[in-house]
Amino acid sequence: MRPREKDRDGEPNYSERVAVESEKDPAGLLRWMRVQSEGRIERAEGREDGLARKIGEALCERGQETTTAELARTVGEDPDRGTFKRALAAAEDSGLVRKVKRGRWAPVAQPLDV
């Protein structure tokens, strides 16, 4: 997941498969090169992506700061498992939750409708 990264034009980045053809001369110098896009690489949502969303939703429902262990229990996961830790990091990177301090998480403040 690369939600915050943008290219030079300010557009979101995405993964793309490319094919490269080239030819070198006998001395090893590049004569020509052609790069052709073979399209975006679409990936299915992984377990961590779904769990990150579930963590964000659980924390919003709770509405207050909570510990990592309490949050893991709420979503039915073991707080020491790598999958949960990666999903929690992904939730933070995606702006679904915010880290208050070590072992404490809070929902991201929702903007007021004006």
Protein backbone atom coordinates (compact mmCIF):
# COMPACT_ATOMS: atom_id res chain seq x y z
CA MET A 1 0.00 0.00 0.00
CA ARG A 2 1.45 3.32 -1.04
CA PRO A 3 -1.26 5.86 -0.27
CA ARG A 4 0.91 8.91 0.44
CA GLU A 5 3.45 8.63 -2.35
CA LYS A 6 2.96 10.70 -5.46
CA ASP A 7 4.80 11.08 -8.72
CA ARG A 8 6.31 14.30 -10.10
CA ASP A 9 2.94 15.46 -11.40
CA GLY A 10 1.24 14.98 -8.04
CA GLU A 11 -0.61 11.85 -9.15
CA PRO A 12 -0.69 8.76 -6.89
CA ASN A 13 1.91 6.14 -7.69
CA TYR A 14 0.95 2.62 -8.64
CA SER A 15 2.82 -0.57 -9.44
CA GLU A 16 3.36 -1.20 -13.12
CA ARG A 17 4.87 -4.10 -15.05
CA VAL A 18 7.33 -3.01 -17.76
CA ALA A 19 9.21 -4.84 -20.51
CA VAL A 20 12.70 -3.62 -21.42
CA GLU A 21 14.46 -4.44 -24.69
CA SER A 22 17.95 -3.22 -25.50
CA GLU A 23 20.95 -3.80 -27.71
CA LYS A 24 24.61 -3.23 -26.96
CA ASP A 25 27.53 -2.93 -29.33
CA PRO A 26 30.53 -5.30 -29.16
CA ALA A 27 32.25 -2.97 -26.68
CA GLY A 28 29.26 -3.24 -24.33
CA LEU A 29 27.93 0.27 -24.94
CA LEU A 30 24.20 0.68 -25.15
CA ARG A 31 22.99 1.27 -28.71
CA TRP A 32 19.29 1.51 -27.98
CA MET A 33 16.70 0.68 -25.34
CA ARG A 34 12.92 0.43 -25.45
CA VAL A 35 10.74 0.41 -22.33
CA GLN A 36 7.12 -0.61 -22.77
CA SER A 37 4.36 -0.65 -20.19
CA GLU A 38 2.51 -3.93 -19.77
CA GLY A 39 -0.06 -2.31 -17.48
CA ARG A 40 -0.77 -1.87 -13.82
CA ILE A 41 -0.19 -4.68 -11.38
CA GLU A 42 -3.44 -5.20 -9.55
CA ARG A 43 -3.17 -7.12 -6.37
CA ALA A 44 -5.94 -8.69 -4.38
CA GLU A 45 -6.54 -7.30 -0.93
CA GLY A 46 -4.41 -9.24 1.50
CA ARG A 47 -5.20 -10.33 5.04
CA GLU A 48 -3.23 -7.42 6.47
CA ASP A 49 -5.17 -4.86 4.38
CA GLY A 50 -8.50 -6.18 5.62
CA LEU A 51 -7.23 -6.38 9.18
CA ALA A 52 -5.91 -2.79 9.00
CA ARG A 53 -9.36 -1.59 7.97
CA LYS A 54 -10.94 -3.69 10.75
CA ILE A 55 -8.53 -2.14 13.29
CA GLY A 56 -9.43 1.37 12.14
CA GLU A 57 -13.16 0.64 12.35
CA ALA A 58 -12.83 -0.93 15.82
CA LEU A 59 -10.90 2.04 17.16
CA CYS A 60 -13.42 4.51 15.70
CA GLU A 61 -16.30 2.57 17.28
CA ARG A 62 -14.47 2.57 20.59
CA GLY A 63 -13.96 6.32 20.25
CA GLN A 64 -11.13 6.62 22.72
CA GLU A 65 -7.47 5.84 23.25
CA THR A 66 -6.72 2.16 23.83
CA THR A 67 -3.79 -0.20 24.30
CA THR A 68 -2.38 -2.46 21.63
CA ALA A 69 -3.49 -5.54 23.60
CA GLU A 70 -7.07 -4.25 24.00
CA LEU A 71 -7.22 -3.38 20.31
CA ALA A 72 -5.96 -6.85 19.34
CA ARG A 73 -8.57 -8.48 21.58
CA THR A 74 -11.29 -6.33 20.00
CA VAL A 75 -10.45 -7.58 16.50
CA GLY A 76 -9.81 -11.16 17.68
CA GLU A 77 -6.05 -11.22 17.07
CA ASP A 78 -2.90 -11.97 19.05
CA PRO A 79 -1.02 -8.69 19.68
CA ASP A 80 2.34 -10.48 19.39
CA ARG A 81 1.73 -11.95 15.93
CA GLY A 82 3.49 -10.36 12.99
CA THR A 83 0.29 -10.14 10.94
CA PHE A 84 -1.38 -7.98 13.57
CA LYS A 85 1.70 -5.78 13.99
CA ARG A 86 2.01 -5.23 10.22
CA ALA A 87 -1.72 -4.51 9.92
CA LEU A 88 -1.52 -1.99 12.77
CA ALA A 89 1.45 -0.28 11.07
CA ALA A 90 -0.49 -0.24 7.78
CA ALA A 91 -3.51 1.28 9.55
CA GLU A 92 -1.27 4.02 10.92
CA ASP A 93 0.37 4.62 7.52
CA SER A 94 -3.06 4.86 5.90
CA GLY A 95 -4.28 7.40 8.44
CA LEU A 96 -6.87 5.07 9.98
CA VAL A 97 -5.35 5.26 13.48
CA ARG A 98 -2.73 7.35 15.24
CA LYS A 99 -0.09 6.32 17.72
CA VAL A 100 -0.37 8.29 20.96
CA LYS A 101 2.70 6.76 22.59
CA ARG A 102 4.29 3.33 22.85
CA GLY A 103 1.53 0.75 23.07
CA ARG A 104 -1.32 3.30 22.95
CA TRP A 105 -3.51 4.07 19.93
CA ALA A 106 -6.31 6.53 19.25
CA PRO A 107 -8.84 7.03 16.48
CA VAL A 108 -7.96 9.67 13.93
CA ALA A 109 -9.90 12.86 14.62
CA GLN A 110 -12.69 13.29 12.11
CA PRO A 111 -12.93 16.74 10.45
CA LEU A 112 -15.94 18.80 11.44
CA ASP A 113 -18.61 19.36 8.79
CA VAL A 114 -18.98 23.09 8.40
